[in-house]
C-alpha atoms as a PDB file:
ATOM      1  CA  MET A   1     101.681  28.376 -42.023  1.00  0.00           C
ATOM      2  CA  SER A   2     102.479  31.819 -40.628  1.00  0.00           C
ATOM      3  CA  SER A   3     106.006  33.157 -40.249  1.00  0.00           C
ATOM      4  CA  PRO A   4     107.125  34.157 -36.735  1.00  0.00           C
ATOM      5  CA  ARG A   5     106.655  37.824 -37.713  1.00  0.00           C
ATOM      6  CA  GLU A   6     103.110  37.181 -38.973  1.00  0.00           C
ATOM      7  CA  THR A   7     102.196  35.222 -35.836  1.00  0.00           C
ATOM      8  CA  PHE A   8     103.501  38.014 -33.600  1.00  0.00           C
ATOM      9  CA  LEU A   9     101.544  40.642 -35.564  1.00  0.00           C
ATOM     10  CA  ARG A  10      98.359  38.550 -35.322  1.00  0.00           C
ATOM     11  CA  LEU A  11      98.901  38.352 -31.566  1.00  0.00           C
ATOM     12  CA  VAL A  12      99.441  42.053 -30.844  1.00  0.00           C
ATOM     13  CA  ASN A  13      96.676  43.146 -33.197  1.00  0.00           C
ATOM     14  CA  GLY A  14      94.345  40.575 -31.595  1.00  0.00           C
ATOM     15  CA  VAL A  15      95.237  41.792 -28.092  1.00  0.00           C
ATOM     16  CA  CYS A  16      94.138  45.250 -29.231  1.00  0.00           C
ATOM     17  CA  GLY A  17      91.013  44.344 -31.171  1.00  0.00           C
ATOM     18  CA  GLY A  18      90.077  40.737 -30.544  1.00  0.00           C
ATOM     19  CA  PRO A  19      88.525  38.341 -30.947  1.00  0.00           C
ATOM     20  CA  TYR A  20      90.086  37.435 -27.593  1.00  0.00           C
ATOM     21  CA  GLU A  21      88.709  33.893 -27.572  1.00  0.00           C
ATOM     22  CA  ASP A  22      90.846  33.140 -30.675  1.00  0.00           C
ATOM     23  CA  LEU A  23      94.170  34.432 -29.319  1.00  0.00           C
ATOM     24  CA  SER A  24      95.096  31.187 -27.569  1.00  0.00           C
ATOM     25  CA  ASP A  25      94.981  29.462 -30.972  1.00  0.00           C
ATOM     26  CA  LEU A  26      98.260  31.245 -31.774  1.00  0.00           C
ATOM     27  CA  TYR A  27     100.003  29.132 -29.105  1.00  0.00           C
ATOM     28  CA  ALA A  28     101.119  25.494 -29.069  1.00  0.00           C
ATOM     29  CA  GLU A  29      99.223  23.102 -26.771  1.00  0.00           C
ATOM     30  CA  GLU A  30     102.249  23.146 -24.454  1.00  0.00           C
ATOM     31  CA  THR A  31     103.956  26.499 -24.233  1.00  0.00           C
ATOM     32  CA  HIS A  32     105.942  28.622 -21.812  1.00  0.00           C
ATOM     33  CA  VAL A  33     104.941  32.273 -21.475  1.00  0.00           C
ATOM     34  CA  THR A  34     106.523  34.439 -18.796  1.00  0.00           C
ATOM     35  CA  HIS A  35     106.360  38.079 -17.761  1.00  0.00           C
ATOM     36  CA  PRO A  36     109.832  38.525 -16.201  1.00  0.00           C
ATOM     37  CA  PHE A  37     109.338  42.191 -15.250  1.00  0.00           C
ATOM     38  CA  HIS A  38     105.873  41.767 -13.707  1.00  0.00           C
ATOM     39  CA  PRO A  39     106.185  43.184 -10.181  1.00  0.00           C
ATOM     40  CA  LEU A  40     103.973  40.452  -8.680  1.00  0.00           C
ATOM     41  CA  ASP A  41     105.929  37.594 -10.327  1.00  0.00           C
ATOM     42  CA  PRO A  42     102.993  35.536 -11.632  1.00  0.00           C
ATOM     43  CA  PRO A  43     103.628  31.903 -12.583  1.00  0.00           C
ATOM     44  CA  PRO A  44     104.291  31.088 -16.243  1.00  0.00           C
ATOM     45  CA  LEU A  45     101.411  30.222 -18.549  1.00  0.00           C
ATOM     46  CA  LEU A  46     102.139  26.677 -19.712  1.00  0.00           C
ATOM     47  CA  SER A  47      99.256  25.600 -21.932  1.00  0.00           C
ATOM     48  CA  ARG A  48      96.872  26.812 -24.579  1.00  0.00           C
ATOM     49  CA  SER A  49      93.985  26.426 -22.110  1.00  0.00           C
ATOM     50  CA  GLU A  50      95.748  28.638 -19.521  1.00  0.00           C
ATOM     51  CA  LEU A  51      96.309  31.244 -22.228  1.00  0.00           C
ATOM     52  CA  HIS A  52      92.663  31.026 -23.258  1.00  0.00           C
ATOM     53  CA  GLU A  53      91.662  31.822 -19.656  1.00  0.00           C
ATOM     54  CA  HIS A  54      94.238  34.627 -19.558  1.00  0.00           C
ATOM     55  CA  PHE A  55      92.944  36.300 -22.723  1.00  0.00           C
ATOM     56  CA  THR A  56      89.218  35.867 -22.031  1.00  0.00           C
ATOM     57  CA  ALA A  57      89.148  36.768 -18.313  1.00  0.00           C
ATOM     58  CA  PRO A  58      87.176  39.951 -17.689  1.00  0.00           C
ATOM     59  CA  PRO A  59      89.319  42.933 -16.742  1.00  0.00           C
ATOM     60  CA  PRO A  60      89.364  43.505 -12.984  1.00  0.00           C
ATOM     61  CA  VAL A  61      88.258  47.111 -13.488  1.00  0.00           C
ATOM     62  CA  ALA A  62      85.435  48.157 -15.777  1.00  0.00           C
ATOM     63  CA  ARG A  63      87.448  50.246 -18.223  1.00  0.00           C
ATOM     64  CA  THR A  64      87.429  50.292 -21.987  1.00  0.00           C
ATOM     65  CA  LEU A  65      90.830  50.681 -23.600  1.00  0.00           C
ATOM     66  CA  HIS A  66      91.096  51.517 -27.277  1.00  0.00           C
ATOM     67  CA  ARG A  67      94.637  50.624 -28.244  1.00  0.00           C
ATOM     68  CA  LYS A  68      96.846  49.674 -31.134  1.00  0.00           C
ATOM     69  CA  PRO A  69     100.403  48.435 -31.499  1.00  0.00           C
ATOM     70  CA  VAL A  70     102.763  51.227 -32.601  1.00  0.00           C
ATOM     71  CA  ASP A  71     106.463  51.596 -33.350  1.00  0.00           C
ATOM     72  CA  VAL A  72     106.695  47.899 -34.189  1.00  0.00           C
ATOM     73  CA  THR A  73     110.168  46.581 -34.980  1.00  0.00           C
ATOM     74  CA  VAL A  74     110.672  42.836 -35.401  1.00  0.00           C
ATOM     75  CA  HIS A  75     114.254  41.588 -35.229  1.00  0.00           C
ATOM     76  CA  GLU A  76     114.950  38.224 -36.792  1.00  0.00           C
ATOM     77  CA  THR A  77     117.747  36.173 -35.239  1.00  0.00           C
ATOM     78  CA  ALA A  78     120.198  33.498 -36.376  1.00  0.00           C
ATOM     79  CA  ASP A  79     117.622  30.972 -35.124  1.00  0.00           C
ATOM     80  CA  PRO A  80     114.721  31.089 -37.628  1.00  0.00           C
ATOM     81  CA  GLU A  81     112.217  30.268 -34.857  1.00  0.00           C
ATOM     82  CA  VAL A  82     113.236  33.192 -32.623  1.00  0.00           C
ATOM     83  CA  ILE A  83     112.267  36.841 -32.999  1.00  0.00           C
ATOM     84  CA  VAL A  84     112.625  39.873 -30.772  1.00  0.00           C
ATOM     85  CA  ALA A  85     109.761  42.333 -31.156  1.00  0.00           C
ATOM     86  CA  GLU A  86     109.885  45.904 -29.867  1.00  0.00           C
ATOM     87  CA  PHE A  87     106.627  47.865 -29.808  1.00  0.00           C
ATOM     88  CA  ALA A  88     104.197  49.769 -27.639  1.00  0.00           C
ATOM     89  CA  TYR A  89     100.485  49.510 -26.995  1.00  0.00           C
ATOM     90  CA  GLN A  90      99.162  53.029 -27.434  1.00  0.00           C
ATOM     91  CA  GLY A  91      95.641  54.242 -26.897  1.00  0.00           C
ATOM     92  CA  ARG A  92      93.030  56.024 -24.865  1.00  0.00           C
ATOM     93  CA  VAL A  93      90.804  55.101 -21.919  1.00  0.00           C
ATOM     94  CA  ASP A  94      87.159  55.641 -22.930  1.00  0.00           C
ATOM     95  CA  GLU A  95      85.910  56.449 -19.448  1.00  0.00           C
ATOM     96  CA  THR A  96      88.534  59.135 -18.678  1.00  0.00           C
ATOM     97  CA  GLY A  97      89.900  60.222 -22.053  1.00  0.00           C
ATOM     98  CA  GLU A  98      93.385  59.565 -20.689  1.00  0.00           C
ATOM     99  CA  ALA A  99      96.010  58.678 -23.296  1.00  0.00           C
ATOM    100  CA  PHE A 100      98.483  55.899 -22.508  1.00  0.00           C
ATOM    101  CA  ARG A 101     101.524  54.156 -23.947  1.00  0.00           C
ATOM    102  CA  VAL A 102     102.805  50.780 -22.714  1.00  0.00           C
ATOM    103  CA  PRO A 103     106.276  49.887 -24.075  1.00  0.00           C
ATOM    104  CA  CYS A 104     106.985  46.185 -24.631  1.00  0.00           C
ATOM    105  CA  VAL A 105     109.671  43.801 -25.844  1.00  0.00           C
ATOM    106  CA  PHE A 106     108.712  40.196 -26.594  1.00  0.00           C
ATOM    107  CA  VAL A 107     111.311  37.459 -27.137  1.00  0.00           C
ATOM    108  CA  MET A 108     109.436  34.661 -28.875  1.00  0.00           C
ATOM    109  CA  ARG A 109     110.082  31.167 -30.205  1.00  0.00           C
ATOM    110  CA  ILE A 110     107.524  30.322 -32.879  1.00  0.00           C
ATOM    111  CA  ARG A 111     107.497  26.922 -34.565  1.00  0.00           C
ATOM    112  CA  ASP A 112     105.176  25.996 -37.428  1.00  0.00           C
ATOM    113  CA  GLY A 113     103.207  29.220 -36.872  1.00  0.00           C
ATOM    114  CA  LEU A 114     102.573  28.534 -33.156  1.00  0.00           C
ATOM    115  CA  ILE A 115     104.138  30.288 -30.178  1.00  0.00           C
ATOM    116  CA  ILE A 116     105.981  27.726 -28.079  1.00  0.00           C
ATOM    117  CA  GLU A 117     107.819  30.173 -25.832  1.00  0.00           C
ATOM    118  CA  SER A 118     107.543  33.869 -25.086  1.00  0.00           C
ATOM    119  CA  ARG A 119     109.195  36.177 -22.602  1.00  0.00           C
ATOM    120  CA  ASP A 120     107.013  39.290 -22.525  1.00  0.00           C
ATOM    121  CA  TYR A 121     108.814  42.314 -21.082  1.00  0.00           C
ATOM    122  CA  ILE A 122     106.026  44.838 -20.508  1.00  0.00           C
ATOM    123  CA  ASP A 123     105.963  48.160 -18.670  1.00  0.00           C
ATOM    124  CA  HIS A 124     103.510  46.884 -16.045  1.00  0.00           C
ATOM    125  CA  ILE A 125     103.360  50.236 -14.244  1.00  0.00           C
ATOM    126  CA  SER A 126     102.071  51.958 -17.400  1.00  0.00           C
ATOM    127  CA  SER A 127      99.685  49.071 -18.005  1.00  0.00           C
ATOM    128  CA  ALA A 128      98.326  49.240 -14.440  1.00  0.00           C
ATOM    129  CA  ARG A 129      97.862  52.991 -14.810  1.00  0.00           C
ATOM    130  CA  ALA A 130      95.911  52.563 -18.074  1.00  0.00           C
ATOM    131  CA  TRP A 131      93.662  49.909 -16.499  1.00  0.00           C
ATOM    132  CA  GLY A 132      93.069  52.068 -13.409  1.00  0.00           C
ATOM    133  CA  GLN A 133      94.869  49.538 -11.204  1.00  0.00           C
ATOM    134  CA  LEU A 134      97.941  51.439 -10.085  1.00  0.00           C
ATOM    135  CA  ASP A 135      96.688  51.795  -6.490  1.00  0.00           C
ATOM    136  CA  SER A 136      95.850  48.082  -6.205  1.00  0.00           C
ATOM    137  CA  LEU A 137      99.261  47.144  -7.652  1.00  0.00           C
ATOM    138  CA  LEU A 138     101.031  49.367  -5.139  1.00  0.00           C
ATOM    139  CA  THR A 139      98.944  47.904  -2.310  1.00  0.00           C
ATOM    140  CA  ALA A 140      99.862  44.374  -3.407  1.00  0.00           C
ATOM    141  CA  LEU A 141     103.546  45.332  -3.416  1.00  0.00           C
ATOM    142  CA  ARG A 142     103.557  46.773   0.108  1.00  0.00           C
ATOM    143  CA  PRO A 143     104.690  44.395   2.840  1.00  0.00           C
ATOM    144  CA  SER A 144     101.837  43.196   5.006  1.00  0.00           C
ATOM    145  CA  ALA A 145     101.697  44.150   8.674  1.00  0.00           C
ATOM    146  CA  GLY A 146     103.998  42.022  10.777  1.00  0.00           C
ATOM    147  CA  SER A 147     106.218  40.926   7.901  1.00  0.00           C
ATOM    148  CA  THR A 148     109.941  41.418   8.155  1.00  0.00           C
ATOM    149  CA  THR A 149     111.845  43.356   5.548  1.00  0.00           C
ATOM    150  CA  THR A 150     115.466  43.584   4.576  1.00  0.00           C
ATOM    151  CA  GLU A 151     115.495  47.289   3.819  1.00  0.00           C
ATOM    152  CA  GLY A 152     118.967  48.472   3.096  1.00  0.00           C
ATOM    153  CA  ALA A 153     120.290  44.946   2.577  1.00  0.00           C
ATOM    154  CA  ALA A 154     122.144  44.337  -0.649  1.00  0.00           C
ATOM    155  CA  GLN A 155     120.204  42.232  -3.086  1.00  0.00           C
ATOM    156  CA  PRO A 156     121.990  39.725  -5.339  1.00  0.00           C
END
């Protein structure tokens, strides 16, 4: 059985180098994975099968990213199942030669070597830029024609 630190390291190294079809095996059958800072607020991933689809879906833009996790610091907590991992995905886009760095913090609960909960705080702007999707992200964030806005209103 893997420790929480070992499971996390298998995950981030697998995200960088694959095999992607095996990444969902690091998660419990029922899990709860969220991306709280994602600007489009996607729903949580709640099962191993949803995570399998997430990891094996083709990228929306034909780009090849060569990346690796760097500056990895894993903080253990008073709860032996919970870790906080600080790191960045760093790499280069094959098609453009552009270098990128995507800072991340994951707060994970890992039981018996399987991820049962993860809050993945990722710099989604840097990620969208690396994938060549910054324009489509900005378009998705713009209000559609005819929608009402509350510009200037205080937000809770």
